[in-house]
Amino acid sequence: MNAETRRAVAFIAGSLVSGQRRASVYDYSVGHHTSFSGQVGERVSVYDYDAGCHISGNLPSLYHYGASAHLTLKVVGTKFNGYDYATSSHFNGTVRGRSISLYDYGEAGYFNYTV
């Protein structure tokens, strides 16, 4: 997955699990906050201000307009998983409070975020 898709997934998953409206995500791998706006629920429609694009759809099927690709995102309890069609890679993760840990199989590594 690319960094923009990972942070969008982290933002959406963190918002869904918390049930609270969030306005940004902090990506520890780059040390940067990214602002988001929009709604997260069964219907997702958010805007990533750094990427300058929308991510929208009905869960589990989403479309990332910046990557010009579909992705799936399933959230069960505090865990989530999915598939990024842009890079043909799976991912999964866990939300603990405001912290999100995402494992990207395409990059073979963990990425950490806070919402």
PDB file of N, CA and C in Angstrom:
ATOM      1  N   MET A   1       0.852  -1.184   0.000  1.00  0.00           N
ATOM      2  CA  MET A   1       0.000   0.000   0.000  1.00  0.00           C
ATOM      3  C   MET A   1       0.888   1.234   0.000  1.00  0.00           C
ATOM      4  N   ASN A   2       0.380   2.311  -0.562  1.00  0.00           N
ATOM      5  CA  ASN A   2       1.138   3.550  -0.448  1.00  0.00           C
ATOM      6  C   ASN A   2       0.790   4.241   0.865  1.00  0.00           C
ATOM      7  N   ALA A   3       1.570   5.214   1.249  1.00  0.00           N
ATOM      8  CA  ALA A   3       1.395   5.892   2.535  1.00  0.00           C
ATOM      9  C   ALA A   3       0.042   6.577   2.640  1.00  0.00           C
ATOM     10  N   GLU A   4      -0.457   7.141   1.544  1.00  0.00           N
ATOM     11  CA  GLU A   4      -1.753   7.823   1.567  1.00  0.00           C
ATOM     12  C   GLU A   4      -2.885   6.847   1.853  1.00  0.00           C
ATOM     13  N   THR A   5      -2.851   5.679   1.249  1.00  0.00           N
ATOM     14  CA  THR A   5      -3.889   4.677   1.482  1.00  0.00           C
ATOM     15  C   THR A   5      -3.817   4.148   2.901  1.00  0.00           C
ATOM     16  N   ARG A   6      -2.596   3.877   3.398  1.00  0.00           N
ATOM     17  CA  ARG A   6      -2.442   3.387   4.774  1.00  0.00           C
ATOM     18  C   ARG A   6      -3.022   4.367   5.780  1.00  0.00           C
ATOM     19  N   ARG A   7      -2.700   5.664   5.635  1.00  0.00           N
ATOM     20  CA  ARG A   7      -3.187   6.625   6.632  1.00  0.00           C
ATOM     21  C   ARG A   7      -4.697   6.788   6.542  1.00  0.00           C
ATOM     22  N   ALA A   8      -5.272   6.683   5.333  1.00  0.00           N
ATOM     23  CA  ALA A   8      -6.725   6.755   5.196  1.00  0.00           C
ATOM     24  C   ALA A   8      -7.381   5.562   5.882  1.00  0.00           C
ATOM     25  N   VAL A   9      -6.827   4.372   5.691  1.00  0.00           N
ATOM     26  CA  VAL A   9      -7.350   3.173   6.350  1.00  0.00           C
ATOM     27  C   VAL A   9      -7.258   3.334   7.860  1.00  0.00           C
ATOM     28  N   ALA A  10      -6.129   3.817   8.357  1.00  0.00           N
ATOM     29  CA  ALA A  10      -5.961   4.019   9.799  1.00  0.00           C
ATOM     30  C   ALA A  10      -6.979   5.023  10.324  1.00  0.00           C
ATOM     31  N   PHE A  11      -7.177   6.120   9.616  1.00  0.00           N
ATOM     32  CA  PHE A  11      -8.148   7.133  10.032  1.00  0.00           C
ATOM     33  C   PHE A  11      -9.562   6.555  10.073  1.00  0.00           C
ATOM     34  N   ILE A  12      -9.948   5.858   9.024  1.00  0.00           N
ATOM     35  CA  ILE A  12     -11.307   5.315   8.944  1.00  0.00           C
ATOM     36  C   ILE A  12     -11.520   4.233  10.006  1.00  0.00           C
ATOM     37  N   ALA A  13     -10.574   3.301  10.130  1.00  0.00           N
ATOM     38  CA  ALA A  13     -10.702   2.238  11.131  1.00  0.00           C
ATOM     39  C   ALA A  13     -10.731   2.818  12.542  1.00  0.00           C
ATOM     40  N   GLY A  14      -9.841   3.765  12.832  1.00  0.00           N
ATOM     41  CA  GLY A  14      -9.816   4.385  14.163  1.00  0.00           C
ATOM     42  C   GLY A  14     -11.097   5.122  14.477  1.00  0.00           C
ATOM     43  N   SER A  15     -11.654   5.794  13.494  1.00  0.00           N
ATOM     44  CA  SER A  15     -12.913   6.516  13.684  1.00  0.00           C
ATOM     45  C   SER A  15     -14.087   5.552  13.888  1.00  0.00           C
ATOM     46  N   LEU A  16     -14.108   4.470  13.115  1.00  0.00           N
ATOM     47  CA  LEU A  16     -15.187   3.488  13.234  1.00  0.00           C
ATOM     48  C   LEU A  16     -15.189   2.825  14.604  1.00  0.00           C
ATOM     49  N   VAL A  17     -14.017   2.369  15.036  1.00  0.00           N
ATOM     50  CA  VAL A  17     -13.929   1.658  16.313  1.00  0.00           C
ATOM     51  C   VAL A  17     -14.271   2.575  17.477  1.00  0.00           C
ATOM     52  N   SER A  18     -13.788   3.812  17.447  1.00  0.00           N
ATOM     53  CA  SER A  18     -14.042   4.739  18.553  1.00  0.00           C
ATOM     54  C   SER A  18     -15.486   5.234  18.563  1.00  0.00           C
ATOM     55  N   GLY A  19     -16.103   5.255  17.371  1.00  0.00           N
ATOM     56  CA  GLY A  19     -17.461   5.789  17.275  1.00  0.00           C
ATOM     57  C   GLY A  19     -17.504   7.294  17.441  1.00  0.00           C
ATOM     58  N   GLN A  20     -16.343   7.942  17.388  1.00  0.00           N
ATOM     59  CA  GLN A  20     -16.263   9.391  17.560  1.00  0.00           C
ATOM     60  C   GLN A  20     -15.739  10.039  16.291  1.00  0.00           C
ATOM     61  N   ARG A  21     -16.200  11.249  16.063  1.00  0.00           N
ATOM     62  CA  ARG A  21     -15.729  12.006  14.901  1.00  0.00           C
ATOM     63  C   ARG A  21     -14.297  12.457  15.154  1.00  0.00           C
ATOM     64  N   ARG A  22     -13.411  12.123  14.254  1.00  0.00           N
ATOM     65  CA  ARG A  22     -12.011  12.512  14.349  1.00  0.00           C
ATOM     66  C   ARG A  22     -11.693  13.502  13.242  1.00  0.00           C
ATOM     67  N   ALA A  23     -10.659  14.314  13.429  1.00  0.00           N
ATOM     68  CA  ALA A  23     -10.317  15.345  12.443  1.00  0.00           C
ATOM     69  C   ALA A  23      -8.939  15.145  11.823  1.00  0.00           C
ATOM     70  N   SER A  24      -8.138  14.233  12.382  1.00  0.00           N
ATOM     71  CA  SER A  24      -6.796  14.031  11.828  1.00  0.00           C
ATOM     72  C   SER A  24      -6.253  12.680  12.248  1.00  0.00           C
ATOM     73  N   VAL A  25      -5.165  12.312  11.603  1.00  0.00           N
ATOM     74  CA  VAL A  25      -4.425  11.105  11.961  1.00  0.00           C
ATOM     75  C   VAL A  25      -2.942  11.482  12.004  1.00  0.00           C
ATOM     76  N   TYR A  26      -2.231  10.932  12.975  1.00  0.00           N
ATOM     77  CA  TYR A  26      -0.794  11.150  13.091  1.00  0.00           C
ATOM     78  C   TYR A  26      -0.083   9.888  12.632  1.00  0.00           C
ATOM     79  N   ASP A  27       0.809  10.028  11.667  1.00  0.00           N
ATOM     80  CA  ASP A  27       1.557   8.914  11.102  1.00  0.00           C
ATOM     81  C   ASP A  27       2.958   8.932  11.707  1.00  0.00           C
ATOM     82  N   TYR A  28       3.268   7.942  12.549  1.00  0.00           N
ATOM     83  CA  TYR A  28       4.564   7.898  13.221  1.00  0.00           C
ATOM     84  C   TYR A  28       5.719   7.644  12.260  1.00  0.00           C
ATOM     85  N   SER A  29       5.460   7.016  11.122  1.00  0.00           N
ATOM     86  CA  SER A  29       6.552   6.718  10.196  1.00  0.00           C
ATOM     87  C   SER A  29       7.106   7.976   9.519  1.00  0.00           C
ATOM     88  N   VAL A  30       6.273   9.032   9.441  1.00  0.00           N
ATOM     89  CA  VAL A  30       6.740  10.292   8.851  1.00  0.00           C
ATOM     90  C   VAL A  30       6.697  11.457   9.835  1.00  0.00           C
ATOM     91  N   GLY A  31       6.135  11.217  11.037  1.00  0.00           N
ATOM     92  CA  GLY A  31       6.073  12.262  12.050  1.00  0.00           C
ATOM     93  C   GLY A  31       5.208  13.435  11.641  1.00  0.00           C
ATOM     94  N   HIS A  32       4.027  13.139  11.112  1.00  0.00           N
ATOM     95  CA  HIS A  32       3.185  14.200  10.551  1.00  0.00           C
ATOM     96  C   HIS A  32       1.701  13.933  10.794  1.00  0.00           C
ATOM     97  N   HIS A  33       0.958  15.019  11.121  1.00  0.00           N
ATOM     98  CA  HIS A  33      -0.501  14.970  11.219  1.00  0.00           C
ATOM     99  C   HIS A  33      -1.097  15.257   9.852  1.00  0.00           C
ATOM    100  N   THR A  34      -2.150  14.531   9.494  1.00  0.00           N
ATOM    101  CA  THR A  34      -2.910  14.792   8.273  1.00  0.00           C
ATOM    102  C   THR A  34      -4.356  15.038   8.655  1.00  0.00           C
ATOM    103  N   SER A  35      -4.915  16.139   8.185  1.00  0.00           N
ATOM    104  CA  SER A  35      -6.316  16.474   8.470  1.00  0.00           C
ATOM    105  C   SER A  35      -7.247  15.754   7.507  1.00  0.00           C
ATOM    106  N   PHE A  36      -8.380  15.327   8.051  1.00  0.00           N
ATOM    107  CA  PHE A  36      -9.454  14.700   7.293  1.00  0.00           C
ATOM    108  C   PHE A  36     -10.758  15.383   7.659  1.00  0.00           C
ATOM    109  N   SER A  37     -11.702  15.369   6.735  1.00  0.00           N
ATOM    110  CA  SER A  37     -13.059  15.808   7.052  1.00  0.00           C
ATOM    111  C   SER A  37     -14.023  14.833   6.405  1.00  0.00           C
ATOM    112  N   GLY A  38     -15.269  14.866   6.869  1.00  0.00           N
ATOM    113  CA  GLY A  38     -16.280  13.992   6.288  1.00  0.00           C
ATOM    114  C   GLY A  38     -16.898  13.079   7.307  1.00  0.00           C
ATOM    115  N   GLN A  39     -17.566  12.050   6.802  1.00  0.00           N
ATOM    116  CA  GLN A  39     -18.311  11.136   7.660  1.00  0.00           C
ATOM    117  C   GLN A  39     -17.795   9.715   7.531  1.00  0.00           C
ATOM    118  N   VAL A  40     -17.777   9.032   8.684  1.00  0.00           N
ATOM    119  CA  VAL A  40     -17.366   7.636   8.726  1.00  0.00           C
ATOM    120  C   VAL A  40     -18.451   6.842   9.425  1.00  0.00           C
ATOM    121  N   GLY A  41     -18.978   5.861   8.733  1.00  0.00           N
ATOM    122  CA  GLY A  41     -19.998   4.953   9.243  1.00  0.00           C
ATOM    123  C   GLY A  41     -20.090   3.817   8.242  1.00  0.00           C
ATOM    124  N   GLU A  42     -21.262   3.214   8.089  1.00  0.00           N
ATOM    125  CA  GLU A  42     -21.406   2.206   7.041  1.00  0.00           C
ATOM    126  C   GLU A  42     -21.133   2.828   5.680  1.00  0.00           C
ATOM    127  N   ARG A  43     -21.505   4.097   5.544  1.00  0.00           N
ATOM    128  CA  ARG A  43     -21.167   4.891   4.364  1.00  0.00           C
ATOM    129  C   ARG A  43     -19.989   5.773   4.745  1.00  0.00           C
ATOM    130  N   VAL A  44     -18.910   5.687   3.988  1.00  0.00           N
ATOM    131  CA  VAL A  44     -17.710   6.474   4.245  1.00  0.00           C
ATOM    132  C   VAL A  44     -17.587   7.533   3.150  1.00  0.00           C
ATOM    133  N   SER A  45     -17.350   8.762   3.560  1.00  0.00           N
ATOM    134  CA  SER A  45     -17.073   9.843   2.624  1.00  0.00           C
ATOM    135  C   SER A  45     -16.170  10.837   3.337  1.00  0.00           C
ATOM    136  N   VAL A  46     -14.855  10.677   3.123  1.00  0.00           N
ATOM    137  CA  VAL A  46     -13.878  11.534   3.786  1.00  0.00           C
ATOM    138  C   VAL A  46     -12.969  12.183   2.753  1.00  0.00           C
ATOM    139  N   TYR A  47     -12.354  13.279   3.182  1.00  0.00           N
ATOM    140  CA  TYR A  47     -11.413  14.016   2.333  1.00  0.00           C
ATOM    141  C   TYR A  47     -10.078  14.102   3.050  1.00  0.00           C
ATOM    142  N   ASP A  48      -9.007  13.691   2.372  1.00  0.00           N
ATOM    143  CA  ASP A  48      -7.643  13.741   2.888  1.00  0.00           C
ATOM    144  C   ASP A  48      -7.020  15.040   2.373  1.00  0.00           C
ATOM    145  N   TYR A  49      -6.745  15.975   3.281  1.00  0.00           N
ATOM    146  CA  TYR A  49      -6.243  17.288   2.876  1.00  0.00           C
ATOM    147  C   TYR A  49      -4.812  17.252   2.349  1.00  0.00           C
ATOM    148  N   ASP A  50      -3.971  16.355   2.829  1.00  0.00           N
ATOM    149  CA  ASP A  50      -2.605  16.262   2.312  1.00  0.00           C
ATOM    150  C   ASP A  50      -2.590  15.670   0.903  1.00  0.00           C
ATOM    151  N   ALA A  51      -3.373  14.634   0.689  1.00  0.00           N
ATOM    152  CA  ALA A  51      -3.421  13.990  -0.630  1.00  0.00           C
ATOM    153  C   ALA A  51      -4.306  14.758  -1.598  1.00  0.00           C
ATOM    154  N   GLY A  52      -5.209  15.600  -1.065  1.00  0.00           N
ATOM    155  CA  GLY A  52      -6.124  16.356  -1.903  1.00  0.00           C
ATOM    156  C   GLY A  52      -7.119  15.480  -2.626  1.00  0.00           C
ATOM    157  N   CYS A  53      -7.639  14.464  -1.906  1.00  0.00           N
ATOM    158  CA  CYS A  53      -8.568  13.539  -2.558  1.00  0.00           C
ATOM    159  C   CYS A  53      -9.595  12.979  -1.581  1.00  0.00           C
ATOM    160  N   HIS A  54     -10.643  12.413  -2.159  1.00  0.00           N
ATOM    161  CA  HIS A  54     -11.699  11.760  -1.399  1.00  0.00           C
ATOM    162  C   HIS A  54     -11.459  10.257  -1.317  1.00  0.00           C
ATOM    163  N   ILE A  55     -12.005   9.678  -0.265  1.00  0.00           N
ATOM    164  CA  ILE A  55     -12.095   8.229  -0.115  1.00  0.00           C
ATOM    165  C   ILE A  55     -13.545   7.987   0.254  1.00  0.00           C
ATOM    166  N   SER A  56     -14.236   7.172  -0.534  1.00  0.00           N
ATOM    167  CA  SER A  56     -15.662   6.990  -0.252  1.00  0.00           C
ATOM    168  C   SER A  56     -16.150   5.623  -0.688  1.00  0.00           C
ATOM    169  N   GLY A  57     -17.339   5.277  -0.185  1.00  0.00           N
ATOM    170  CA  GLY A  57     -17.980   4.025  -0.539  1.00  0.00           C
ATOM    171  C   GLY A  57     -18.793   3.488   0.612  1.00  0.00           C
ATOM    172  N   ASN A  58     -19.402   2.352   0.378  1.00  0.00           N
ATOM    173  CA  ASN A  58     -20.162   1.647   1.408  1.00  0.00           C
ATOM    174  C   ASN A  58     -19.317   0.466   1.880  1.00  0.00           C
ATOM    175  N   LEU A  59     -19.036   0.431   3.181  1.00  0.00           N
ATOM    176  CA  LEU A  59     -18.199  -0.646   3.719  1.00  0.00           C
ATOM    177  C   LEU A  59     -18.800  -1.996   3.371  1.00  0.00           C
ATOM    178  N   PRO A  60     -17.973  -2.947   2.995  1.00  0.00           N
ATOM    179  CA  PRO A  60     -16.507  -2.948   3.061  1.00  0.00           C
ATOM    180  C   PRO A  60     -15.820  -2.424   1.796  1.00  0.00           C
ATOM    181  N   SER A  61     -16.564  -1.965   0.804  1.00  0.00           N
ATOM    182  CA  SER A  61     -15.966  -1.558  -0.473  1.00  0.00           C
ATOM    183  C   SER A  61     -15.776  -0.046  -0.529  1.00  0.00           C
ATOM    184  N   LEU A  62     -14.520   0.387  -0.670  1.00  0.00           N
ATOM    185  CA  LEU A  62     -14.192   1.810  -0.728  1.00  0.00           C
ATOM    186  C   LEU A  62     -13.414   2.109  -2.004  1.00  0.00           C
ATOM    187  N   TYR A  63     -13.386   3.385  -2.372  1.00  0.00           N
ATOM    188  CA  TYR A  63     -12.579   3.819  -3.515  1.00  0.00           C
ATOM    189  C   TYR A  63     -11.718   4.995  -3.067  1.00  0.00           C
ATOM    190  N   HIS A  64     -10.413   4.879  -3.292  1.00  0.00           N
ATOM    191  CA  HIS A  64      -9.459   5.935  -2.960  1.00  0.00           C
ATOM    192  C   HIS A  64      -9.167   6.693  -4.251  1.00  0.00           C
ATOM    193  N   TYR A  65      -9.680   7.916  -4.346  1.00  0.00           N
ATOM    194  CA  TYR A  65      -9.548   8.688  -5.580  1.00  0.00           C
ATOM    195  C   TYR A  65      -8.119   9.139  -5.857  1.00  0.00           C
ATOM    196  N   GLY A  66      -7.302   9.280  -4.826  1.00  0.00           N
ATOM    197  CA  GLY A  66      -5.901   9.646  -5.022  1.00  0.00           C
ATOM    198  C   GLY A  66      -5.098   8.514  -5.638  1.00  0.00           C
ATOM    199  N   ALA A  67      -5.375   7.289  -5.204  1.00  0.00           N
ATOM    200  CA  ALA A  67      -4.689   6.113  -5.736  1.00  0.00           C
ATOM    201  C   ALA A  67      -5.404   5.563  -6.971  1.00  0.00           C
ATOM    202  N   SER A  68      -6.595   6.097  -7.258  1.00  0.00           N
ATOM    203  CA  SER A  68      -7.426   5.616  -8.373  1.00  0.00           C
ATOM    204  C   SER A  68      -7.642   4.112  -8.300  1.00  0.00           C
ATOM    205  N   ALA A  69      -7.999   3.654  -7.083  1.00  0.00           N
ATOM    206  CA  ALA A  69      -8.153   2.214  -6.891  1.00  0.00           C
ATOM    207  C   ALA A  69      -9.149   1.889  -5.783  1.00  0.00           C
ATOM    208  N   HIS A  70      -9.729   0.712  -5.907  1.00  0.00           N
ATOM    209  CA  HIS A  70     -10.629   0.199  -4.878  1.00  0.00           C
ATOM    210  C   HIS A  70      -9.823  -0.416  -3.746  1.00  0.00           C
ATOM    211  N   LEU A  71     -10.452  -0.488  -2.574  1.00  0.00           N
ATOM    212  CA  LEU A  71      -9.909  -1.224  -1.460  1.00  0.00           C
ATOM    213  C   LEU A  71     -11.066  -1.745  -0.638  1.00  0.00           C
ATOM    214  N   THR A  72     -10.830  -2.795   0.103  1.00  0.00           N
ATOM    215  CA  THR A  72     -11.848  -3.305   1.018  1.00  0.00           C
ATOM    216  C   THR A  72     -11.370  -3.066   2.440  1.00  0.00           C
ATOM    217  N   LEU A  73     -12.324  -2.831   3.325  1.00  0.00           N
ATOM    218  CA  LEU A  73     -12.027  -2.622   4.741  1.00  0.00           C
ATOM    219  C   LEU A  73     -13.146  -3.220   5.567  1.00  0.00           C
ATOM    220  N   LYS A  74     -12.809  -4.230   6.362  1.00  0.00           N
ATOM    221  CA  LYS A  74     -13.765  -4.874   7.259  1.00  0.00           C
ATOM    222  C   LYS A  74     -13.306  -4.631   8.685  1.00  0.00           C
ATOM    223  N   VAL A  75     -14.229  -4.165   9.530  1.00  0.00           N
ATOM    224  CA  VAL A  75     -13.920  -3.898  10.925  1.00  0.00           C
ATOM    225  C   VAL A  75     -14.807  -4.776  11.793  1.00  0.00           C
ATOM    226  N   VAL A  76     -14.190  -5.551  12.690  1.00  0.00           N
ATOM    227  CA  VAL A  76     -14.912  -6.405  13.627  1.00  0.00           C
ATOM    228  C   VAL A  76     -14.325  -6.157  15.008  1.00  0.00           C
ATOM    229  N   GLY A  77     -15.126  -5.558  15.873  1.00  0.00           N
ATOM    230  CA  GLY A  77     -14.627  -5.207  17.200  1.00  0.00           C
ATOM    231  C   GLY A  77     -13.530  -4.176  17.086  1.00  0.00           C
ATOM    232  N   THR A  78     -12.351  -4.513  17.602  1.00  0.00           N
ATOM    233  CA  THR A  78     -11.207  -3.588  17.527  1.00  0.00           C
ATOM    234  C   THR A  78     -10.219  -3.989  16.439  1.00  0.00           C
ATOM    235  N   LYS A  79     -10.560  -5.008  15.674  1.00  0.00           N
ATOM    236  CA  LYS A  79      -9.662  -5.490  14.622  1.00  0.00           C
ATOM    237  C   LYS A  79     -10.209  -5.123  13.244  1.00  0.00           C
ATOM    238  N   PHE A  80      -9.303  -4.966  12.280  1.00  0.00           N
ATOM    239  CA  PHE A  80      -9.721  -4.683  10.916  1.00  0.00           C
ATOM    240  C   PHE A  80      -8.794  -5.394   9.936  1.00  0.00           C
ATOM    241  N   ASN A  81      -9.291  -5.600   8.731  1.00  0.00           N
ATOM    242  CA  ASN A  81      -8.484  -6.199   7.675  1.00  0.00           C
ATOM    243  C   ASN A  81      -9.046  -5.777   6.333  1.00  0.00           C
ATOM    244  N   GLY A  82      -8.275  -6.005   5.288  1.00  0.00           N
ATOM    245  CA  GLY A  82      -8.745  -5.642   3.969  1.00  0.00           C
ATOM    246  C   GLY A  82      -7.729  -5.914   2.892  1.00  0.00           C
ATOM    247  N   TYR A  83      -8.025  -5.362   1.716  1.00  0.00           N
ATOM    248  CA  TYR A  83      -7.205  -5.597   0.531  1.00  0.00           C
ATOM    249  C   TYR A  83      -7.120  -4.315  -0.277  1.00  0.00           C
ATOM    250  N   ASP A  84      -5.910  -3.978  -0.696  1.00  0.00           N
ATOM    251  CA  ASP A  84      -5.658  -2.794  -1.515  1.00  0.00           C
ATOM    252  C   ASP A  84      -5.436  -3.241  -2.958  1.00  0.00           C
ATOM    253  N   TYR A  85      -6.378  -2.900  -3.837  1.00  0.00           N
ATOM    254  CA  TYR A  85      -6.285  -3.324  -5.230  1.00  0.00           C
ATOM    255  C   TYR A  85      -5.197  -2.577  -6.004  1.00  0.00           C
ATOM    256  N   ALA A  86      -4.797  -1.412  -5.544  1.00  0.00           N
ATOM    257  CA  ALA A  86      -3.746  -0.649  -6.237  1.00  0.00           C
ATOM    258  C   ALA A  86      -2.415  -1.388  -6.196  1.00  0.00           C
ATOM    259  N   THR A  87      -2.132  -2.036  -5.073  1.00  0.00           N
ATOM    260  CA  THR A  87      -0.853  -2.734  -4.913  1.00  0.00           C
ATOM    261  C   THR A  87      -1.015  -4.243  -4.774  1.00  0.00           C
ATOM    262  N   SER A  88      -2.255  -4.726  -4.906  1.00  0.00           N
ATOM    263  CA  SER A  88      -2.554  -6.162  -4.773  1.00  0.00           C
ATOM    264  C   SER A  88      -2.001  -6.724  -3.469  1.00  0.00           C
ATOM    265  N   SER A  89      -2.286  -6.010  -2.361  1.00  0.00           N
ATOM    266  CA  SER A  89      -1.759  -6.452  -1.075  1.00  0.00           C
ATOM    267  C   SER A  89      -2.825  -6.412   0.016  1.00  0.00           C
ATOM    268  N   HIS A  90      -2.709  -7.373   0.919  1.00  0.00           N
ATOM    269  CA  HIS A  90      -3.591  -7.454   2.081  1.00  0.00           C
ATOM    270  C   HIS A  90      -3.028  -6.599   3.213  1.00  0.00           C
ATOM    271  N   PHE A  91      -3.892  -6.275   4.163  1.00  0.00           N
ATOM    272  CA  PHE A  91      -3.471  -5.583   5.375  1.00  0.00           C
ATOM    273  C   PHE A  91      -4.393  -5.993   6.507  1.00  0.00           C
ATOM    274  N   ASN A  92      -3.917  -5.827   7.726  1.00  0.00           N
ATOM    275  CA  ASN A  92      -4.772  -6.008   8.901  1.00  0.00           C
ATOM    276  C   ASN A  92      -4.245  -5.138  10.017  1.00  0.00           C
ATOM    277  N   GLY A  93      -5.042  -5.007  11.066  1.00  0.00           N
ATOM    278  CA  GLY A  93      -4.600  -4.162  12.164  1.00  0.00           C
ATOM    279  C   GLY A  93      -5.511  -4.208  13.360  1.00  0.00           C
ATOM    280  N   THR A  94      -5.128  -3.422  14.352  1.00  0.00           N
ATOM    281  CA  THR A  94      -5.851  -3.352  15.616  1.00  0.00           C
ATOM    282  C   THR A  94      -5.938  -1.903  16.061  1.00  0.00           C
ATOM    283  N   VAL A  95      -7.090  -1.563  16.650  1.00  0.00           N
ATOM    284  CA  VAL A  95      -7.287  -0.238  17.233  1.00  0.00           C
ATOM    285  C   VAL A  95      -7.354  -0.405  18.743  1.00  0.00           C
ATOM    286  N   ARG A  96      -6.522   0.363  19.458  1.00  0.00           N
ATOM    287  CA  ARG A  96      -6.525   0.364  20.932  1.00  0.00           C
ATOM    288  C   ARG A  96      -6.653   1.805  21.381  1.00  0.00           C
ATOM    289  N   GLY A  97      -7.862   2.187  21.785  1.00  0.00           N
ATOM    290  CA  GLY A  97      -8.090   3.583  22.153  1.00  0.00           C
ATOM    291  C   GLY A  97      -7.930   4.458  20.929  1.00  0.00           C
ATOM    292  N   ARG A  98      -6.988   5.389  20.993  1.00  0.00           N
ATOM    293  CA  ARG A  98      -6.714   6.273  19.855  1.00  0.00           C
ATOM    294  C   ARG A  98      -5.558   5.777  18.986  1.00  0.00           C
ATOM    295  N   SER A  99      -4.962   4.646  19.367  1.00  0.00           N
ATOM    296  CA  SER A  99      -3.800   4.110  18.653  1.00  0.00           C
ATOM    297  C   SER A  99      -4.200   3.032  17.659  1.00  0.00           C
ATOM    298  N   ILE A 100      -3.585   3.080  16.491  1.00  0.00           N
ATOM    299  CA  ILE A 100      -3.850   2.105  15.441  1.00  0.00           C
ATOM    300  C   ILE A 100      -2.531   1.496  15.008  1.00  0.00           C
ATOM    301  N   SER A 101      -2.491   0.174  14.943  1.00  0.00           N
ATOM    302  CA  SER A 101      -1.337  -0.550  14.418  1.00  0.00           C
ATOM    303  C   SER A 101      -1.811  -1.287  13.177  1.00  0.00           C
ATOM    304  N   LEU A 102      -1.136  -1.058  12.055  1.00  0.00           N
ATOM    305  CA  LEU A 102      -1.530  -1.643  10.777  1.00  0.00           C
ATOM    306  C   LEU A 102      -0.359  -2.440  10.219  1.00  0.00           C
ATOM    307  N   TYR A 103      -0.628  -3.696   9.845  1.00  0.00           N
ATOM    308  CA  TYR A 103       0.393  -4.506   9.179  1.00  0.00           C
ATOM    309  C   TYR A 103       0.072  -4.534   7.694  1.00  0.00           C
ATOM    310  N   ASP A 104       1.026  -4.089   6.878  1.00  0.00           N
ATOM    311  CA  ASP A 104       0.888  -4.032   5.429  1.00  0.00           C
ATOM    312  C   ASP A 104       1.695  -5.191   4.840  1.00  0.00           C
ATOM    313  N   TYR A 105       0.994  -6.176   4.288  1.00  0.00           N
ATOM    314  CA  TYR A 105       1.675  -7.343   3.720  1.00  0.00           C
ATOM    315  C   TYR A 105       2.509  -6.987   2.502  1.00  0.00           C
ATOM    316  N   GLY A 106       2.108  -5.976   1.751  1.00  0.00           N
ATOM    317  CA  GLY A 106       2.888  -5.541   0.590  1.00  0.00           C
ATOM    318  C   GLY A 106       4.239  -4.976   0.984  1.00  0.00           C
ATOM    319  N   GLU A 107       4.274  -4.264   2.116  1.00  0.00           N
ATOM    320  CA  GLU A 107       5.523  -3.680   2.616  1.00  0.00           C
ATOM    321  C   GLU A 107       6.209  -4.587   3.631  1.00  0.00           C
ATOM    322  N   ALA A 108       5.502  -5.652   4.051  1.00  0.00           N
ATOM    323  CA  ALA A 108       6.002  -6.588   5.068  1.00  0.00           C
ATOM    324  C   ALA A 108       6.443  -5.849   6.325  1.00  0.00           C
ATOM    325  N   GLY A 109       5.562  -4.935   6.790  1.00  0.00           N
ATOM    326  CA  GLY A 109       5.912  -4.186   7.987  1.00  0.00           C
ATOM    327  C   GLY A 109       4.723  -3.572   8.686  1.00  0.00           C
ATOM    328  N   TYR A 110       4.967  -3.173   9.936  1.00  0.00           N
ATOM    329  CA  TYR A 110       3.961  -2.512  10.762  1.00  0.00           C
ATOM    330  C   TYR A 110       4.066  -1.000  10.631  1.00  0.00           C
ATOM    331  N   PHE A 111       2.923  -0.332  10.705  1.00  0.00           N
ATOM    332  CA  PHE A 111       2.843   1.125  10.690  1.00  0.00           C
ATOM    333  C   PHE A 111       1.911   1.531  11.820  1.00  0.00           C
ATOM    334  N   ASN A 112       2.284   2.605  12.539  1.00  0.00           N
ATOM    335  CA  ASN A 112       1.526   3.038  13.706  1.00  0.00           C
ATOM    336  C   ASN A 112       0.988   4.447  13.532  1.00  0.00           C
ATOM    337  N   TYR A 113      -0.223   4.639  14.042  1.00  0.00           N
ATOM    338  CA  TYR A 113      -0.964   5.907  13.881  1.00  0.00           C
ATOM    339  C   TYR A 113      -1.706   6.230  15.169  1.00  0.00           C
ATOM    340  N   THR A 114      -2.068   7.493  15.302  1.00  0.00           N
ATOM    341  CA  THR A 114      -2.958   7.944  16.374  1.00  0.00           C
ATOM    342  C   THR A 114      -4.020   8.841  15.753  1.00  0.00           C
ATOM    343  N   VAL A 115      -5.276   8.641  16.191  1.00  0.00           N
ATOM    344  CA  VAL A 115      -6.360   9.519  15.730  1.00  0.00           C
ATOM    345  C   VAL A 115      -6.815  10.392  16.886  1.00  0.00           C
TER     346      VAL A 115
END
